[in-house]
Amino acid sequence: MPLYCIQKSSDGTIVACSSFSDEKTAVPAGFTVCTSDEYLAAKDSLFNCLRMQARRALTEVQQDAVLAVAMGQTFSPQMQTFVKALQAIADGTDQTSTVLPTKPGASQT
């Protein structure tokens, strides 16, 4: 039977979750054992939060950047602003946004 664990910050917010195939696994420091339902809810919350969305969007932007360079193009000032906004959300600097910024045109010639 799997072992499910979650880790909470000092304010009670879930910040990580882990599952182990062997229930005899030692619980990592800072984690507590939880039910499968608690684990699934935590996993869903963590992976669908705005910070994770921003990180996924940054991965897409990196692909756009590679393509832009290959095509001899550069990112527009609007795209640079978009990337900075995503970075702020992803690294936790921006804690007030509730949605991702709208992506502008990826490149200009």
C-alpha atoms as a PDB file:
ATOM      1  CA  MET A   1       0.000   0.000   0.000  1.00  0.00           C
ATOM      2  CA  PRO A   2       1.435   3.440  -0.915  1.00  0.00           C
ATOM      3  CA  LEU A   3       2.487   5.994   1.648  1.00  0.00           C
ATOM      4  CA  TYR A   4       1.173   9.526   1.056  1.00  0.00           C
ATOM      5  CA  CYS A   5       2.765  12.603   2.635  1.00  0.00           C
ATOM      6  CA  ILE A   6       2.245  16.358   2.562  1.00  0.00           C
ATOM      7  CA  GLN A   7       4.374  19.255   3.752  1.00  0.00           C
ATOM      8  CA  LYS A   8       2.851  22.455   5.100  1.00  0.00           C
ATOM      9  CA  SER A   9       4.343  25.897   5.598  1.00  0.00           C
ATOM     10  CA  SER A  10       4.181  27.644   8.972  1.00  0.00           C
ATOM     11  CA  ASP A  11       0.837  29.207   7.982  1.00  0.00           C
ATOM     12  CA  GLY A  12      -0.662  25.791   7.135  1.00  0.00           C
ATOM     13  CA  THR A  13      -0.455  26.111   3.356  1.00  0.00           C
ATOM     14  CA  ILE A  14       0.463  22.869   1.618  1.00  0.00           C
ATOM     15  CA  VAL A  15       3.763  23.407  -0.175  1.00  0.00           C
ATOM     16  CA  ALA A  16       4.702  19.878  -1.265  1.00  0.00           C
ATOM     17  CA  CYS A  17       3.364  16.369  -1.566  1.00  0.00           C
ATOM     18  CA  SER A  18       5.018  13.001  -2.120  1.00  0.00           C
ATOM     19  CA  SER A  19       3.971   9.408  -2.532  1.00  0.00           C
ATOM     20  CA  PHE A  20       6.046   6.307  -1.956  1.00  0.00           C
ATOM     21  CA  SER A  21       5.320   2.797  -3.188  1.00  0.00           C
ATOM     22  CA  ASP A  22       6.387   1.221   0.102  1.00  0.00           C
ATOM     23  CA  GLU A  23       4.516   2.167   3.261  1.00  0.00           C
ATOM     24  CA  LYS A  24       7.634   1.266   5.265  1.00  0.00           C
ATOM     25  CA  THR A  25       9.487   4.233   3.739  1.00  0.00           C
ATOM     26  CA  ALA A  26      10.698   6.739   6.327  1.00  0.00           C
ATOM     27  CA  VAL A  27       8.652   9.927   6.189  1.00  0.00           C
ATOM     28  CA  PRO A  28      10.897  12.763   4.935  1.00  0.00           C
ATOM     29  CA  ALA A  29      11.704  15.536   7.393  1.00  0.00           C
ATOM     30  CA  GLY A  30       9.003  18.205   7.446  1.00  0.00           C
ATOM     31  CA  PHE A  31       6.350  15.933   5.917  1.00  0.00           C
ATOM     32  CA  THR A  32       3.375  14.309   7.598  1.00  0.00           C
ATOM     33  CA  VAL A  33       1.483  11.201   6.536  1.00  0.00           C
ATOM     34  CA  CYS A  34      -1.914  11.856   4.961  1.00  0.00           C
ATOM     35  CA  THR A  35      -4.741   9.926   3.320  1.00  0.00           C
ATOM     36  CA  SER A  36      -4.860   9.279  -0.412  1.00  0.00           C
ATOM     37  CA  ASP A  37      -7.726  11.774  -0.721  1.00  0.00           C
ATOM     38  CA  GLU A  38      -5.709  14.477   1.061  1.00  0.00           C
ATOM     39  CA  TYR A  39      -2.711  13.696  -1.149  1.00  0.00           C
ATOM     40  CA  LEU A  40      -4.754  13.891  -4.367  1.00  0.00           C
ATOM     41  CA  ALA A  41      -6.347  17.180  -3.306  1.00  0.00           C
ATOM     42  CA  ALA A  42      -2.929  18.621  -2.403  1.00  0.00           C
ATOM     43  CA  LYS A  43      -1.402  17.426  -5.669  1.00  0.00           C
ATOM     44  CA  ASP A  44      -4.260  18.934  -7.684  1.00  0.00           C
ATOM     45  CA  SER A  45      -3.966  22.222  -5.804  1.00  0.00           C
ATOM     46  CA  LEU A  46      -0.191  22.431  -6.179  1.00  0.00           C
ATOM     47  CA  PHE A  47      -0.078  21.601  -9.860  1.00  0.00           C
ATOM     48  CA  ASN A  48      -2.948  23.849 -10.848  1.00  0.00           C
ATOM     49  CA  CYS A  49      -1.967  26.905  -8.842  1.00  0.00           C
ATOM     50  CA  LEU A  50      -1.052  30.132 -10.604  1.00  0.00           C
ATOM     51  CA  ARG A  51       2.666  29.709  -9.871  1.00  0.00           C
ATOM     52  CA  MET A  52       2.699  26.323 -11.608  1.00  0.00           C
ATOM     53  CA  GLN A  53       0.742  27.761 -14.531  1.00  0.00           C
ATOM     54  CA  ALA A  54       3.348  30.528 -14.799  1.00  0.00           C
ATOM     55  CA  ARG A  55       6.181  27.993 -14.739  1.00  0.00           C
ATOM     56  CA  ARG A  56       4.535  26.011 -17.550  1.00  0.00           C
ATOM     57  CA  ALA A  57       4.021  29.229 -19.525  1.00  0.00           C
ATOM     58  CA  LEU A  58       7.707  30.095 -19.058  1.00  0.00           C
ATOM     59  CA  THR A  59       8.640  26.716 -20.526  1.00  0.00           C
ATOM     60  CA  GLU A  60       6.562  27.571 -23.596  1.00  0.00           C
ATOM     61  CA  VAL A  61       8.203  30.999 -23.790  1.00  0.00           C
ATOM     62  CA  GLN A  62      11.641  29.365 -23.725  1.00  0.00           C
ATOM     63  CA  GLN A  63      10.614  27.307 -26.760  1.00  0.00           C
ATOM     64  CA  ASP A  64       9.405  30.498 -28.464  1.00  0.00           C
ATOM     65  CA  ALA A  65      12.764  32.129 -27.677  1.00  0.00           C
ATOM     66  CA  VAL A  66      14.718  29.303 -29.279  1.00  0.00           C
ATOM     67  CA  LEU A  67      12.559  29.515 -32.398  1.00  0.00           C
ATOM     68  CA  ALA A  68      12.859  33.316 -32.523  1.00  0.00           C
ATOM     69  CA  VAL A  69      16.663  33.132 -32.344  1.00  0.00           C
ATOM     70  CA  ALA A  70      16.729  30.422 -35.018  1.00  0.00           C
ATOM     71  CA  MET A  71      14.651  32.655 -37.275  1.00  0.00           C
ATOM     72  CA  GLY A  72      16.839  35.711 -36.616  1.00  0.00           C
ATOM     73  CA  GLN A  73      14.104  37.496 -34.666  1.00  0.00           C
ATOM     74  CA  THR A  74      13.976  39.084 -31.233  1.00  0.00           C
ATOM     75  CA  PHE A  75      11.308  39.361 -28.563  1.00  0.00           C
ATOM     76  CA  SER A  76       9.262  42.532 -28.664  1.00  0.00           C
ATOM     77  CA  PRO A  77       9.204  44.860 -25.632  1.00  0.00           C
ATOM     78  CA  GLN A  78       5.647  43.602 -24.954  1.00  0.00           C
ATOM     79  CA  MET A  79       6.885  40.003 -24.918  1.00  0.00           C
ATOM     80  CA  GLN A  80       9.741  40.965 -22.586  1.00  0.00           C
ATOM     81  CA  THR A  81       7.197  42.555 -20.219  1.00  0.00           C
ATOM     82  CA  PHE A  82       5.078  39.382 -20.435  1.00  0.00           C
ATOM     83  CA  VAL A  83       8.094  37.207 -19.540  1.00  0.00           C
ATOM     84  CA  LYS A  84       9.003  39.436 -16.571  1.00  0.00           C
ATOM     85  CA  ALA A  85       5.416  39.211 -15.305  1.00  0.00           C
ATOM     86  CA  LEU A  86       5.467  35.399 -15.622  1.00  0.00           C
ATOM     87  CA  GLN A  87       8.815  35.245 -13.824  1.00  0.00           C
ATOM     88  CA  ALA A  88       7.466  37.347 -10.957  1.00  0.00           C
ATOM     89  CA  ILE A  89       4.466  35.046 -10.562  1.00  0.00           C
ATOM     90  CA  ALA A  90       6.573  31.886 -10.892  1.00  0.00           C
ATOM     91  CA  ASP A  91       9.168  32.937  -8.311  1.00  0.00           C
ATOM     92  CA  GLY A  92       6.579  34.271  -5.859  1.00  0.00           C
ATOM     93  CA  THR A  93       7.579  37.943  -6.119  1.00  0.00           C
ATOM     94  CA  ASP A  94       4.109  38.773  -7.483  1.00  0.00           C
ATOM     95  CA  GLN A  95       1.619  37.478  -4.949  1.00  0.00           C
ATOM     96  CA  THR A  96      -1.273  39.700  -6.003  1.00  0.00           C
ATOM     97  CA  SER A  97      -2.028  38.416  -9.517  1.00  0.00           C
ATOM     98  CA  THR A  98      -4.902  35.961  -9.796  1.00  0.00           C
ATOM     99  CA  VAL A  99      -4.559  35.161 -13.516  1.00  0.00           C
ATOM    100  CA  LEU A 100      -1.672  34.935 -15.943  1.00  0.00           C
ATOM    101  CA  PRO A 101      -0.987  37.960 -18.158  1.00  0.00           C
ATOM    102  CA  THR A 102      -2.145  37.735 -21.767  1.00  0.00           C
ATOM    103  CA  LYS A 103       0.590  36.610 -24.139  1.00  0.00           C
ATOM    104  CA  PRO A 104       1.408  39.158 -26.832  1.00  0.00           C
ATOM    105  CA  GLY A 105       2.858  38.339 -30.263  1.00  0.00           C
ATOM    106  CA  ALA A 106       6.006  36.265 -29.597  1.00  0.00           C
ATOM    107  CA  SER A 107       8.483  37.988 -31.874  1.00  0.00           C
ATOM    108  CA  GLN A 108       9.158  40.856 -34.172  1.00  0.00           C
ATOM    109  CA  THR A 109      11.476  41.212 -37.138  1.00  0.00           C
END
